[in-house]
C-alpha atoms as a PDB file:
ATOM      1  CA  MET A   1     -12.461  27.475 -12.838  1.00  0.00           C
ATOM      2  CA  SER A   2     -15.781  26.587 -11.682  1.00  0.00           C
ATOM      3  CA  LYS A   3     -16.126  24.299  -8.671  1.00  0.00           C
ATOM      4  CA  GLU A   4     -19.284  22.086  -8.997  1.00  0.00           C
ATOM      5  CA  GLY A   5     -18.700  20.194  -5.481  1.00  0.00           C
ATOM      6  CA  GLY A   6     -16.178  19.925  -2.625  1.00  0.00           C
ATOM      7  CA  GLY A   7     -12.797  20.654  -2.685  1.00  0.00           C
ATOM      8  CA  ALA A   8      -9.668  20.145  -1.737  1.00  0.00           C
ATOM      9  CA  ALA A   9      -6.228  22.776  -1.672  1.00  0.00           C
ATOM     10  CA  MET A  10      -3.019  21.394  -2.940  1.00  0.00           C
ATOM     11  CA  TRP A  11      -0.125  22.773  -1.393  1.00  0.00           C
ATOM     12  CA  VAL A  12       2.839  24.026  -3.640  1.00  0.00           C
ATOM     13  CA  ALA A  13       6.012  26.243  -2.240  1.00  0.00           C
ATOM     14  CA  GLY A  14       3.664  27.024   0.392  1.00  0.00           C
ATOM     15  CA  ALA A  15       1.219  28.192  -1.883  1.00  0.00           C
ATOM     16  CA  ALA A  16      -2.554  27.208  -1.734  1.00  0.00           C
ATOM     17  CA  VAL A  17      -4.143  26.265  -4.954  1.00  0.00           C
ATOM     18  CA  ALA A  18      -7.835  24.909  -5.078  1.00  0.00           C
ATOM     19  CA  ALA A  19      -8.899  21.726  -6.138  1.00  0.00           C
ATOM     20  CA  VAL A  20     -11.815  20.418  -6.770  1.00  0.00           C
ATOM     21  CA  MET A  21     -13.350  17.367  -5.062  1.00  0.00           C
ATOM     22  CA  THR A  22     -16.899  16.056  -6.159  1.00  0.00           C
ATOM     23  CA  PRO A  23     -18.998  13.828  -3.325  1.00  0.00           C
ATOM     24  CA  PHE A  24     -19.525   9.938  -4.958  1.00  0.00           C
ATOM     25  CA  VAL A  25     -21.093   6.845  -4.260  1.00  0.00           C
ATOM     26  CA  LEU A  26     -18.408   4.290  -3.413  1.00  0.00           C
ATOM     27  CA  PHE A  27     -19.488   0.866  -4.929  1.00  0.00           C
ATOM     28  CA  VAL A  28     -19.197  -1.732  -2.451  1.00  0.00           C
ATOM     29  CA  GLY A  29     -16.766  -4.538  -3.204  1.00  0.00           C
ATOM     30  CA  VAL A  30     -15.417  -2.554  -6.094  1.00  0.00           C
ATOM     31  CA  SER A  31     -12.036  -3.501  -6.887  1.00  0.00           C
ATOM     32  CA  GLY A  32     -10.805  -0.859  -8.406  1.00  0.00           C
ATOM     33  CA  GLY A  33      -9.967   0.327 -12.425  1.00  0.00           C
ATOM     34  CA  GLY A  34      -9.636  -1.823 -15.535  1.00  0.00           C
ATOM     35  CA  ALA A  35      -6.330  -3.313 -16.840  1.00  0.00           C
ATOM     36  CA  ASP A  36      -5.787   0.212 -18.204  1.00  0.00           C
ATOM     37  CA  THR A  37      -3.547   1.824 -14.910  1.00  0.00           C
ATOM     38  CA  GLY A  38      -0.994   4.125 -16.291  1.00  0.00           C
ATOM     39  CA  LEU A  39       2.199   4.360 -14.091  1.00  0.00           C
ATOM     40  CA  ALA A  40      -0.016   2.389 -11.163  1.00  0.00           C
ATOM     41  CA  ALA A  41       0.716  -1.015 -12.893  1.00  0.00           C
ATOM     42  CA  ALA A  42       4.400  -0.246 -12.658  1.00  0.00           C
ATOM     43  CA  GLY A  43       4.892   1.715  -9.332  1.00  0.00           C
ATOM     44  CA  GLY A  44       3.252  -1.178  -6.824  1.00  0.00           C
ATOM     45  CA  ALA A  45       5.853  -1.298  -4.185  1.00  0.00           C
ATOM     46  CA  LEU A  46       6.634   1.436  -2.153  1.00  0.00           C
ATOM     47  CA  ASN A  47       9.871   3.211  -1.153  1.00  0.00           C
ATOM     48  CA  PRO A  48       9.232   4.162   2.482  1.00  0.00           C
ATOM     49  CA  LYS A  49      12.382   6.453   2.623  1.00  0.00           C
ATOM     50  CA  HIS A  50      10.466   9.900   1.733  1.00  0.00           C
ATOM     51  CA  VAL A  51       7.177   8.539   4.008  1.00  0.00           C
ATOM     52  CA  PRO A  52       7.537  10.421   7.593  1.00  0.00           C
ATOM     53  CA  PRO A  53       7.522   6.651   9.381  1.00  0.00           C
ATOM     54  CA  GLU A  54       4.252   7.267  11.375  1.00  0.00           C
ATOM     55  CA  TYR A  55       2.235   6.984   8.199  1.00  0.00           C
ATOM     56  CA  VAL A  56       3.843   4.316   6.485  1.00  0.00           C
ATOM     57  CA  THR A  57       1.037   1.934   7.305  1.00  0.00           C
ATOM     58  CA  TRP A  58      -1.768   4.095   6.223  1.00  0.00           C
ATOM     59  CA  VAL A  59      -0.346   4.883   2.818  1.00  0.00           C
ATOM     60  CA  LEU A  60       0.330   1.222   2.301  1.00  0.00           C
ATOM     61  CA  LYS A  61      -3.129   0.442   3.505  1.00  0.00           C
ATOM     62  CA  ALA A  62      -5.187   2.418   1.216  1.00  0.00           C
ATOM     63  CA  GLY A  63      -3.211   1.795  -1.297  1.00  0.00           C
ATOM     64  CA  SER A  64      -4.293  -2.132  -1.227  1.00  0.00           C
ATOM     65  CA  ILE A  65      -7.852  -1.092  -1.884  1.00  0.00           C
ATOM     66  CA  CYS A  66      -7.713  -1.371  -5.969  1.00  0.00           C
ATOM     67  CA  PRO A  67      -4.998  -2.253  -7.663  1.00  0.00           C
ATOM     68  CA  THR A  68      -4.997   1.414  -9.806  1.00  0.00           C
ATOM     69  CA  ILE A  69      -4.012   2.990  -6.440  1.00  0.00           C
ATOM     70  CA  THR A  70      -1.175   2.149  -4.952  1.00  0.00           C
ATOM     71  CA  PRO A  71       1.023   2.883  -2.384  1.00  0.00           C
ATOM     72  CA  PRO A  72       3.589   5.152  -4.202  1.00  0.00           C
ATOM     73  CA  VAL A  73       0.322   6.931  -5.701  1.00  0.00           C
ATOM     74  CA  ILE A  74      -0.974   7.859  -2.276  1.00  0.00           C
ATOM     75  CA  ALA A  75       2.222   8.778  -0.863  1.00  0.00           C
ATOM     76  CA  ALA A  76       2.117  11.075  -4.317  1.00  0.00           C
ATOM     77  CA  GLN A  77      -1.010  13.060  -3.786  1.00  0.00           C
ATOM     78  CA  ILE A  78      -0.611  13.104  -0.094  1.00  0.00           C
ATOM     79  CA  GLU A  79       2.688  15.319  -0.533  1.00  0.00           C
ATOM     80  CA  ALA A  80       1.065  17.160  -3.615  1.00  0.00           C
ATOM     81  CA  GLU A  81      -2.262  17.800  -1.015  1.00  0.00           C
ATOM     82  CA  SER A  82      -0.304  18.996   1.684  1.00  0.00           C
ATOM     83  CA  GLY A  83       3.365  18.776   1.643  1.00  0.00           C
ATOM     84  CA  TRP A  84       2.814  15.784   4.650  1.00  0.00           C
ATOM     85  CA  ILE A  85       2.451  18.503   7.038  1.00  0.00           C
ATOM     86  CA  ASN A  86      -1.222  17.414   8.953  1.00  0.00           C
ATOM     87  CA  GLY A  87      -3.140  20.171  10.611  1.00  0.00           C
ATOM     88  CA  ARG A  88      -3.387  22.708   7.593  1.00  0.00           C
ATOM     89  CA  THR A  89      -6.613  23.998   6.546  1.00  0.00           C
ATOM     90  CA  SER A  90      -6.526  25.965   3.160  1.00  0.00           C
ATOM     91  CA  PRO A  91      -7.533  29.385   1.848  1.00  0.00           C
ATOM     92  CA  VAL A  92     -10.839  27.608   0.590  1.00  0.00           C
ATOM     93  CA  GLY A  93     -11.376  25.199   3.729  1.00  0.00           C
ATOM     94  CA  ALA A  94      -9.751  21.518   2.697  1.00  0.00           C
ATOM     95  CA  GLN A  95      -8.762  19.913   5.812  1.00  0.00           C
ATOM     96  CA  GLY A  96      -5.685  17.631   6.923  1.00  0.00           C
ATOM     97  CA  LEU A  97      -3.229  15.166   4.992  1.00  0.00           C
ATOM     98  CA  SER A  98      -5.617  14.574   2.393  1.00  0.00           C
ATOM     99  CA  GLN A  99      -7.164  18.174   2.305  1.00  0.00           C
ATOM    100  CA  PHE A 100     -10.444  16.856   2.190  1.00  0.00           C
ATOM    101  CA  MET A 101     -13.228  19.822   2.265  1.00  0.00           C
ATOM    102  CA  PRO A 102     -15.749  19.988   4.984  1.00  0.00           C
ATOM    103  CA  GLY A 103     -18.968  18.527   2.620  1.00  0.00           C
ATOM    104  CA  THR A 104     -16.901  15.252   1.047  1.00  0.00           C
ATOM    105  CA  TRP A 105     -15.748  14.328   4.472  1.00  0.00           C
ATOM    106  CA  VAL A 106     -18.869  13.649   5.544  1.00  0.00           C
ATOM    107  CA  GLY A 107     -19.167  10.999   2.566  1.00  0.00           C
ATOM    108  CA  TRP A 108     -15.679   9.708   2.881  1.00  0.00           C
ATOM    109  CA  GLY A 109     -14.753   9.819   6.562  1.00  0.00           C
ATOM    110  CA  GLN A 110     -14.696   6.519   8.644  1.00  0.00           C
ATOM    111  CA  ASP A 111     -12.845   6.075  11.754  1.00  0.00           C
ATOM    112  CA  ASP A 112     -10.272   3.624  10.546  1.00  0.00           C
ATOM    113  CA  ASP A 113      -7.716   4.699  13.751  1.00  0.00           C
ATOM    114  CA  GLY A 114     -10.810   3.225  16.177  1.00  0.00           C
ATOM    115  CA  ASN A 115      -9.845   6.145  18.515  1.00  0.00           C
ATOM    116  CA  GLY A 116     -13.789   7.331  18.865  1.00  0.00           C
ATOM    117  CA  ARG A 117     -13.694  10.305  16.644  1.00  0.00           C
ATOM    118  CA  ILE A 118     -13.929  10.360  12.518  1.00  0.00           C
ATOM    119  CA  ASN A 119     -11.699  13.772  11.977  1.00  0.00           C
ATOM    120  CA  PRO A 120     -10.152  14.625   8.796  1.00  0.00           C
ATOM    121  CA  PHE A 121      -7.086  15.291  10.431  1.00  0.00           C
ATOM    122  CA  ASP A 122      -6.749  11.878  12.078  1.00  0.00           C
ATOM    123  CA  PRO A 123      -4.051  10.450   9.708  1.00  0.00           C
ATOM    124  CA  GLY A 124      -5.543   7.020   9.783  1.00  0.00           C
ATOM    125  CA  ASP A 125      -8.909   8.802   9.084  1.00  0.00           C
ATOM    126  CA  ALA A 126      -7.479  10.369   6.003  1.00  0.00           C
ATOM    127  CA  ILE A 127      -5.549   8.695   4.343  1.00  0.00           C
ATOM    128  CA  MET A 128      -7.565   5.811   3.745  1.00  0.00           C
ATOM    129  CA  ALA A 129     -10.495   7.997   3.157  1.00  0.00           C
ATOM    130  CA  GLN A 130      -8.306   8.987   0.219  1.00  0.00           C
ATOM    131  CA  GLY A 131      -7.593   5.679  -1.007  1.00  0.00           C
ATOM    132  CA  ARG A 132     -11.245   4.720  -0.552  1.00  0.00           C
ATOM    133  CA  TYR A 133     -12.232   8.000  -2.772  1.00  0.00           C
ATOM    134  CA  ASP A 134      -9.693   7.582  -4.914  1.00  0.00           C
ATOM    135  CA  CYS A 135     -10.768   3.895  -5.988  1.00  0.00           C
ATOM    136  CA  ALA A 136     -14.369   5.092  -6.393  1.00  0.00           C
ATOM    137  CA  LEU A 137     -13.237   8.088  -8.946  1.00  0.00           C
ATOM    138  CA  ALA A 138     -11.132   5.252 -10.655  1.00  0.00           C
ATOM    139  CA  ARG A 139     -14.013   2.979 -11.301  1.00  0.00           C
ATOM    140  CA  ASP A 140     -16.279   5.797 -12.295  1.00  0.00           C
ATOM    141  CA  VAL A 141     -13.984   6.963 -15.007  1.00  0.00           C
ATOM    142  CA  ASP A 142     -13.798   3.058 -16.162  1.00  0.00           C
ATOM    143  CA  ARG A 143     -17.358   3.312 -16.652  1.00  0.00           C
ATOM    144  CA  TYR A 144     -17.538   6.251 -18.644  1.00  0.00           C
ATOM    145  CA  LYS A 145     -14.576   4.683 -20.869  1.00  0.00           C
ATOM    146  CA  GLN A 146     -16.801   1.816 -21.467  1.00  0.00           C
ATOM    147  CA  ARG A 147     -19.761   3.463 -21.977  1.00  0.00           C
ATOM    148  CA  GLY A 148     -16.841   5.540 -24.563  1.00  0.00           C
ATOM    149  CA  ILE A 149     -17.416   8.931 -22.966  1.00  0.00           C
ATOM    150  CA  ALA A 150     -13.614   9.440 -21.940  1.00  0.00           C
ATOM    151  CA  SER A 151     -10.446   8.216 -23.239  1.00  0.00           C
ATOM    152  CA  GLY A 152      -6.917   8.145 -21.493  1.00  0.00           C
ATOM    153  CA  PRO A 153      -4.910   5.968 -18.981  1.00  0.00           C
ATOM    154  CA  THR A 154      -7.715   5.210 -15.521  1.00  0.00           C
ATOM    155  CA  LEU A 155      -5.227   6.710 -13.088  1.00  0.00           C
ATOM    156  CA  ASP A 156      -4.513  10.102 -14.827  1.00  0.00           C
ATOM    157  CA  LEU A 157      -8.225  10.707 -15.753  1.00  0.00           C
ATOM    158  CA  ALA A 158      -8.964   9.467 -11.797  1.00  0.00           C
ATOM    159  CA  LEU A 159      -6.527  11.974 -10.183  1.00  0.00           C
ATOM    160  CA  ALA A 160      -7.880  14.628 -12.722  1.00  0.00           C
ATOM    161  CA  ALA A 161     -11.476  13.681 -10.935  1.00  0.00           C
ATOM    162  CA  TYR A 162     -10.242  14.078  -7.608  1.00  0.00           C
ATOM    163  CA  ASN A 163      -8.927  17.842  -8.776  1.00  0.00           C
ATOM    164  CA  ALA A 164     -11.722  18.422 -11.009  1.00  0.00           C
ATOM    165  CA  GLY A 165     -14.515  16.041  -9.984  1.00  0.00           C
ATOM    166  CA  PRO A 166     -16.109  13.360 -12.133  1.00  0.00           C
ATOM    167  CA  GLY A 167     -18.364  15.494 -13.816  1.00  0.00           C
ATOM    168  CA  ALA A 168     -15.409  17.585 -15.652  1.00  0.00           C
ATOM    169  CA  ILE A 169     -14.219  14.138 -17.065  1.00  0.00           C
ATOM    170  CA  GLU A 170     -17.574  13.176 -18.367  1.00  0.00           C
ATOM    171  CA  LYS A 171     -18.130  16.874 -19.996  1.00  0.00           C
ATOM    172  CA  TYR A 172     -14.571  16.961 -21.740  1.00  0.00           C
ATOM    173  CA  GLY A 173     -14.447  13.315 -22.669  1.00  0.00           C
ATOM    174  CA  GLY A 174     -11.008  12.736 -20.558  1.00  0.00           C
ATOM    175  CA  ILE A 175      -8.358  15.092 -18.856  1.00  0.00           C
ATOM    176  CA  PRO A 176     -10.636  18.841 -18.514  1.00  0.00           C
ATOM    177  CA  PRO A 177      -8.309  21.645 -20.544  1.00  0.00           C
ATOM    178  CA  TYR A 178      -8.057  23.133 -17.005  1.00  0.00           C
ATOM    179  CA  ARG A 179      -4.096  24.223 -16.422  1.00  0.00           C
ATOM    180  CA  GLU A 180      -4.427  23.774 -12.165  1.00  0.00           C
ATOM    181  CA  THR A 181      -5.977  20.054 -13.335  1.00  0.00           C
ATOM    182  CA  GLN A 182      -3.516  19.195 -15.628  1.00  0.00           C
ATOM    183  CA  SER A 183      -0.355  20.130 -13.925  1.00  0.00           C
ATOM    184  CA  TYR A 184      -1.708  18.266 -10.659  1.00  0.00           C
ATOM    185  CA  VAL A 185      -2.140  14.839 -12.611  1.00  0.00           C
ATOM    186  CA  VAL A 186       1.674  15.928 -14.096  1.00  0.00           C
ATOM    187  CA  ALA A 187       2.898  16.727 -10.316  1.00  0.00           C
ATOM    188  CA  ILE A 188       1.968  13.702  -8.851  1.00  0.00           C
ATOM    189  CA  LYS A 189       2.612  11.266 -11.684  1.00  0.00           C
ATOM    190  CA  ASN A 190       6.637  13.134 -11.132  1.00  0.00           C
ATOM    191  CA  ALA A 191       6.833  12.534  -7.868  1.00  0.00           C
ATOM    192  CA  MET A 192       5.225   9.005  -8.217  1.00  0.00           C
ATOM    193  CA  ALA A 193       8.747   7.478  -9.050  1.00  0.00           C
ATOM    194  CA  LYS A 194      10.645   8.890  -5.746  1.00  0.00           C
ATOM    195  CA  TYR A 195       8.081   6.763  -4.003  1.00  0.00           C
ATOM    196  CA  THR A 196       8.572   4.123  -6.161  1.00  0.00           C
ATOM    197  CA  ALA A 197      10.755   0.673  -4.657  1.00  0.00           C
ATOM    198  CA  ILE A 198      13.082  -0.090  -7.397  1.00  0.00           C
ATOM    199  CA  ALA A 199      14.466  -3.712  -6.907  1.00  0.00           C
ATOM    200  CA  THR A 200      17.827  -3.462  -7.750  1.00  0.00           C
ATOM    201  CA  ASP A 201      18.986  -6.013  -5.097  1.00  0.00           C
ATOM    202  CA  PRO A 202      18.909  -9.771  -7.063  1.00  0.00           C
ATOM    203  CA  GLY A 203      19.856 -11.519  -4.090  1.00  0.00           C
ATOM    204  CA  GLY A 204      23.208 -12.911  -4.634  1.00  0.00           C
ATOM    205  CA  GLY A 205      22.900 -14.968  -0.812  1.00  0.00           C
ATOM    206  CA  THR A 206      23.558 -18.718  -1.171  1.00  0.00           C
ATOM    207  CA  ILE A 207      21.905 -21.486   1.077  1.00  0.00           C
ATOM    208  CA  PRO A 208      23.874 -22.650   3.638  1.00  0.00           C
ATOM    209  CA  ALA A 209      25.088 -26.334   2.681  1.00  0.00           C
ATOM    210  CA  GLY A 210      22.788 -28.715   4.188  1.00  0.00           C
ATOM    211  CA  GLN A 211      19.653 -26.445   4.298  1.00  0.00           C
ATOM    212  CA  GLN A 212      16.942 -26.293   1.856  1.00  0.00           C
ATOM    213  CA  MET A 213      16.343 -21.904   2.690  1.00  0.00           C
ATOM    214  CA  ALA A 214      18.317 -19.588   3.826  1.00  0.00           C
ATOM    215  CA  THR A 215      17.510 -17.550   7.163  1.00  0.00           C
ATOM    216  CA  PRO A 216      15.575 -14.322   6.167  1.00  0.00           C
ATOM    217  CA  LEU A 217      17.399 -12.485   8.177  1.00  0.00           C
ATOM    218  CA  ARG A 218      21.044 -11.673   8.356  1.00  0.00           C
ATOM    219  CA  GLY A 219      23.398 -12.981  11.037  1.00  0.00           C
ATOM    220  CA  ASN A 220      21.702 -15.873  14.047  1.00  0.00           C
ATOM    221  CA  PRO A 221      18.421 -13.807  14.870  1.00  0.00           C
ATOM    222  CA  PRO A 222      16.785 -15.445  17.947  1.00  0.00           C
ATOM    223  CA  VAL A 223      13.649 -17.121  17.876  1.00  0.00           C
ATOM    224  CA  THR A 224      10.992 -15.178  20.123  1.00  0.00           C
ATOM    225  CA  SER A 225       7.854 -17.805  19.165  1.00  0.00           C
ATOM    226  CA  PRO A 226       8.878 -21.231  17.580  1.00  0.00           C
ATOM    227  CA  PHE A 227       5.691 -23.241  15.088  1.00  0.00           C
ATOM    228  CA  GLY A 228       3.566 -25.042  17.598  1.00  0.00           C
ATOM    229  CA  MET A 229       0.644 -24.247  19.251  1.00  0.00           C
ATOM    230  CA  ARG A 230       0.243 -21.750  21.619  1.00  0.00           C
ATOM    231  CA  VAL A 231      -1.623 -18.840  23.518  1.00  0.00           C
ATOM    232  CA  HIS A 232      -2.204 -15.869  20.622  1.00  0.00           C
ATOM    233  CA  PRO A 233      -0.609 -12.589  22.525  1.00  0.00           C
ATOM    234  CA  VAL A 234      -3.185 -10.279  21.160  1.00  0.00           C
ATOM    235  CA  THR A 235      -6.918 -12.675  20.760  1.00  0.00           C
ATOM    236  CA  GLY A 236      -6.184 -15.072  23.775  1.00  0.00           C
ATOM    237  CA  VAL A 237      -6.403 -17.747  21.825  1.00  0.00           C
ATOM    238  CA  ASN A 238      -5.181 -21.307  22.002  1.00  0.00           C
ATOM    239  CA  LYS A 239      -4.081 -22.236  18.466  1.00  0.00           C
ATOM    240  CA  LEU A 240      -1.401 -22.811  16.124  1.00  0.00           C
ATOM    241  CA  HIS A 241       1.645 -20.657  15.885  1.00  0.00           C
ATOM    242  CA  THR A 242       1.968 -21.227  11.612  1.00  0.00           C
ATOM    243  CA  GLY A 243       4.970 -19.647  11.296  1.00  0.00           C
ATOM    244  CA  MET A 244       8.612 -18.860  13.412  1.00  0.00           C
ATOM    245  CA  ASP A 245       8.895 -15.560  15.075  1.00  0.00           C
ATOM    246  CA  PHE A 246      12.094 -13.690  15.202  1.00  0.00           C
ATOM    247  CA  GLY A 247      12.627 -10.828  17.547  1.00  0.00           C
ATOM    248  CA  VAL A 248      14.748  -8.022  15.773  1.00  0.00           C
ATOM    249  CA  GLY A 249      15.019  -4.686  15.704  1.00  0.00           C
ATOM    250  CA  GLU A 250      12.300  -2.208  13.283  1.00  0.00           C
ATOM    251  CA  GLY A 251      13.119  -1.559  10.225  1.00  0.00           C
ATOM    252  CA  THR A 252      15.612  -4.260   9.615  1.00  0.00           C
ATOM    253  CA  PRO A 253      15.718  -5.694   5.931  1.00  0.00           C
ATOM    254  CA  VAL A 254      14.161  -8.977   5.466  1.00  0.00           C
ATOM    255  CA  LEU A 255      15.180 -11.638   3.283  1.00  0.00           C
ATOM    256  CA  ALA A 256      14.276 -13.523   0.580  1.00  0.00           C
ATOM    257  CA  ALA A 257      14.947 -17.097   1.775  1.00  0.00           C
ATOM    258  CA  LYS A 258      14.659 -19.115  -1.420  1.00  0.00           C
ATOM    259  CA  GLU A 259      14.877 -17.662  -5.458  1.00  0.00           C
ATOM    260  CA  GLY A 260      11.183 -17.539  -6.446  1.00  0.00           C
ATOM    261  CA  THR A 261       8.164 -15.363  -7.741  1.00  0.00           C
ATOM    262  CA  VAL A 262       6.278 -12.889  -5.451  1.00  0.00           C
ATOM    263  CA  THR A 263       2.571 -14.378  -5.162  1.00  0.00           C
ATOM    264  CA  PHE A 264       1.285 -11.307  -2.901  1.00  0.00           C
ATOM    265  CA  ALA A 265       2.409  -8.456  -2.022  1.00  0.00           C
ATOM    266  CA  GLY A 266       0.102  -6.299   0.339  1.00  0.00           C
ATOM    267  CA  TRP A 267      -2.433  -6.056   3.250  1.00  0.00           C
ATOM    268  CA  ASN A 268      -3.658  -8.676   5.049  1.00  0.00           C
ATOM    269  CA  THR A 269      -5.274  -7.772   8.323  1.00  0.00           C
ATOM    270  CA  ALA A 270      -3.866 -10.115  10.453  1.00  0.00           C
ATOM    271  CA  TYR A 271      -0.684 -10.515   9.278  1.00  0.00           C
ATOM    272  CA  GLY A 272      -0.094  -6.328   8.356  1.00  0.00           C
ATOM    273  CA  ASN A 273       1.898  -5.805   5.126  1.00  0.00           C
ATOM    274  CA  ARG A 274       2.690  -9.403   3.839  1.00  0.00           C
ATOM    275  CA  VAL A 275       4.777 -10.836   1.264  1.00  0.00           C
ATOM    276  CA  ILE A 276       4.814 -14.350   0.155  1.00  0.00           C
ATOM    277  CA  ILE A 277       6.483 -15.820  -2.411  1.00  0.00           C
ATOM    278  CA  SER A 278       5.863 -18.728  -4.286  1.00  0.00           C
ATOM    279  CA  HIS A 279       9.595 -21.240  -5.146  1.00  0.00           C
ATOM    280  CA  GLY A 280       7.842 -24.053  -7.304  1.00  0.00           C
ATOM    281  CA  THR A 281       7.628 -27.596  -6.302  1.00  0.00           C
ATOM    282  CA  ILE A 282      10.306 -29.204  -4.368  1.00  0.00           C
ATOM    283  CA  GLY A 283      10.674 -32.338  -3.558  1.00  0.00           C
ATOM    284  CA  GLY A 284       7.141 -32.991  -4.875  1.00  0.00           C
ATOM    285  CA  ALA A 285       5.345 -30.524  -3.092  1.00  0.00           C
ATOM    286  CA  GLU A 286       4.446 -26.719  -4.057  1.00  0.00           C
ATOM    287  CA  ILE A 287       6.098 -24.870  -1.390  1.00  0.00           C
ATOM    288  CA  SER A 288       6.202 -20.829  -0.568  1.00  0.00           C
ATOM    289  CA  THR A 289       7.594 -18.635   1.667  1.00  0.00           C
ATOM    290  CA  THR A 290       5.829 -15.648   3.760  1.00  0.00           C
ATOM    291  CA  TYR A 291       7.365 -12.873   5.251  1.00  0.00           C
ATOM    292  CA  ASN A 292       4.808 -10.412   7.817  1.00  0.00           C
ATOM    293  CA  HIS A 293       4.038  -7.517  10.033  1.00  0.00           C
ATOM    294  CA  MET A 294       6.637  -5.825   7.736  1.00  0.00           C
ATOM    295  CA  SER A 295       6.592  -1.980   8.597  1.00  0.00           C
ATOM    296  CA  ALA A 296       7.291  -1.018   4.041  1.00  0.00           C
ATOM    297  CA  LEU A 297       7.019  -3.656   1.240  1.00  0.00           C
ATOM    298  CA  ASN A 298      10.156  -3.518  -0.863  1.00  0.00           C
ATOM    299  CA  VAL A 299       8.819  -5.985  -3.796  1.00  0.00           C
ATOM    300  CA  SER A 300       5.540  -6.548  -6.025  1.00  0.00           C
ATOM    301  CA  VAL A 301       3.393  -8.912  -7.388  1.00  0.00           C
ATOM    302  CA  GLY A 302       5.168 -11.106 -10.409  1.00  0.00           C
ATOM    303  CA  GLN A 303       8.828 -10.091  -9.531  1.00  0.00           C
ATOM    304  CA  GLN A 304      11.898 -12.969  -9.866  1.00  0.00           C
ATOM    305  CA  VAL A 305      13.955 -12.720  -6.563  1.00  0.00           C
ATOM    306  CA  GLY A 306      16.805 -14.471  -5.309  1.00  0.00           C
ATOM    307  CA  VAL A 307      18.329 -16.066  -2.460  1.00  0.00           C
ATOM    308  CA  GLY A 308      18.939 -12.478   0.075  1.00  0.00           C
ATOM    309  CA  THR A 309      16.638 -10.432  -2.148  1.00  0.00           C
ATOM    310  CA  VAL A 310      15.272  -7.392   0.455  1.00  0.00           C
ATOM    311  CA  VAL A 311      11.520  -7.848   0.382  1.00  0.00           C
ATOM    312  CA  GLY A 312      11.043  -5.412   3.013  1.00  0.00           C
ATOM    313  CA  LEU A 313      11.822  -4.187   6.464  1.00  0.00           C
ATOM    314  CA  VAL A 314      10.623  -5.870   9.777  1.00  0.00           C
ATOM    315  CA  GLY A 315       7.777  -4.027  11.500  1.00  0.00           C
ATOM    316  CA  THR A 316       4.990  -4.590  14.161  1.00  0.00           C
ATOM    317  CA  THR A 317       1.781  -3.825  11.669  1.00  0.00           C
ATOM    318  CA  GLY A 318      -1.007  -6.153  11.987  1.00  0.00           C
ATOM    319  CA  TYR A 319      -1.728  -8.671  14.934  1.00  0.00           C
ATOM    320  CA  SER A 320       1.446  -7.647  16.684  1.00  0.00           C
ATOM    321  CA  THR A 321       2.658  -6.834  20.003  1.00  0.00           C
ATOM    322  CA  GLY A 322       6.032  -5.353  19.094  1.00  0.00           C
ATOM    323  CA  ALA A 323       8.356  -5.266  15.671  1.00  0.00           C
ATOM    324  CA  HIS A 324       9.522  -8.975  14.783  1.00  0.00           C
ATOM    325  CA  LEU A 325       9.623 -11.513  11.606  1.00  0.00           C
ATOM    326  CA  HIS A 326       6.922 -13.712  11.638  1.00  0.00           C
ATOM    327  CA  PHE A 327       8.044 -16.408   8.924  1.00  0.00           C
ATOM    328  CA  GLU A 328       6.400 -19.295   7.370  1.00  0.00           C
ATOM    329  CA  VAL A 329       6.708 -22.423   4.792  1.00  0.00           C
ATOM    330  CA  GLN A 330       3.983 -23.706   2.934  1.00  0.00           C
ATOM    331  CA  GLN A 331       3.518 -27.240   1.573  1.00  0.00           C
ATOM    332  CA  ASN A 332       0.500 -27.698  -0.889  1.00  0.00           C
ATOM    333  CA  GLY A 333      -1.058 -25.077   1.098  1.00  0.00           C
ATOM    334  CA  GLN A 334      -0.795 -26.266   4.324  1.00  0.00           C
ATOM    335  CA  TYR A 335       1.578 -24.200   7.260  1.00  0.00           C
ATOM    336  CA  VAL A 336       4.902 -27.064   7.829  1.00  0.00           C
ATOM    337  CA  ASN A 337       7.612 -26.193  10.892  1.00  0.00           C
ATOM    338  CA  PRO A 338       9.897 -23.293   9.059  1.00  0.00           C
ATOM    339  CA  ALA A 339      12.800 -24.773  11.146  1.00  0.00           C
ATOM    340  CA  PRO A 340      13.805 -27.633   8.874  1.00  0.00           C
ATOM    341  CA  TRP A 341      14.071 -25.323   6.082  1.00  0.00           C
ATOM    342  CA  ILE A 342      16.409 -22.844   7.803  1.00  0.00           C
ATOM    343  CA  GLY A 343      18.888 -25.107   9.781  1.00  0.00           C
ATOM    344  CA  ARG A 344      17.210 -24.209  12.902  1.00  0.00           C
END
């Protein structure tokens, strides 16, 4: 197969299969592909079970850049590219977890992990570059579709473009007739299943008598920082602590405090991995709860949850100095003390 630009290497059963990556200009502020997002639309929440723990945060962050490229897409693609083994260089020169060719890396690599270097063997740099490149390709193939020169699900076309270059999508009006590229798309979409969280827990919990919400963790977790004014441990600024911190171990299941609808599930710079649940109108006010700094998410936007549904796992992402759950209650969009709501 003719290589039109840089390349990546897909490792299958220990063998490197060359794949193509063509340099592409990133559209600043682009939100990703259109409504036709293939499997990504149904598989936005990451199941972290098969992701090495040290990479979970980067996968979640890279998978929040645009709607088409979700965390399960990022994870399945890394599996196809490198089998989660960092430090690899393919026979054609592709490097790192995401198997960037040096020429392509120049256009996409950034110092995302803040260690002072831009390196395809730094997992944070590589995974974030992969997310940016994937999202730009999704935007590119959507433009082809809008112009009537290509057809097919945006996700499928973006994955094919990652492997064969966007020029091949334009040339053939869709996924090119290359066996390697077609197998690449199928392999990633098949692998997405194991990286996608399936919410099988309907909740089944109950709100204790006299309370309006249940505690968002099992047992009687210790409160390590209450709601109120304090000096922020990361920024050093004296400001309102907008929720309650519970000091529990990383990986502890985080539970929905009340039934409702997930309105946000993704990455926030300060809060890290965050979930927001709307509980509708209570006592004449719109009430929401938020769950923050998690290591993994187990729900997706639009999902209905019950009391006790596992929404994620405790972590230390975002502006955090250690594993804990930062839990908030919002009343008409304003933060209020969660303690009275959960009987603490």
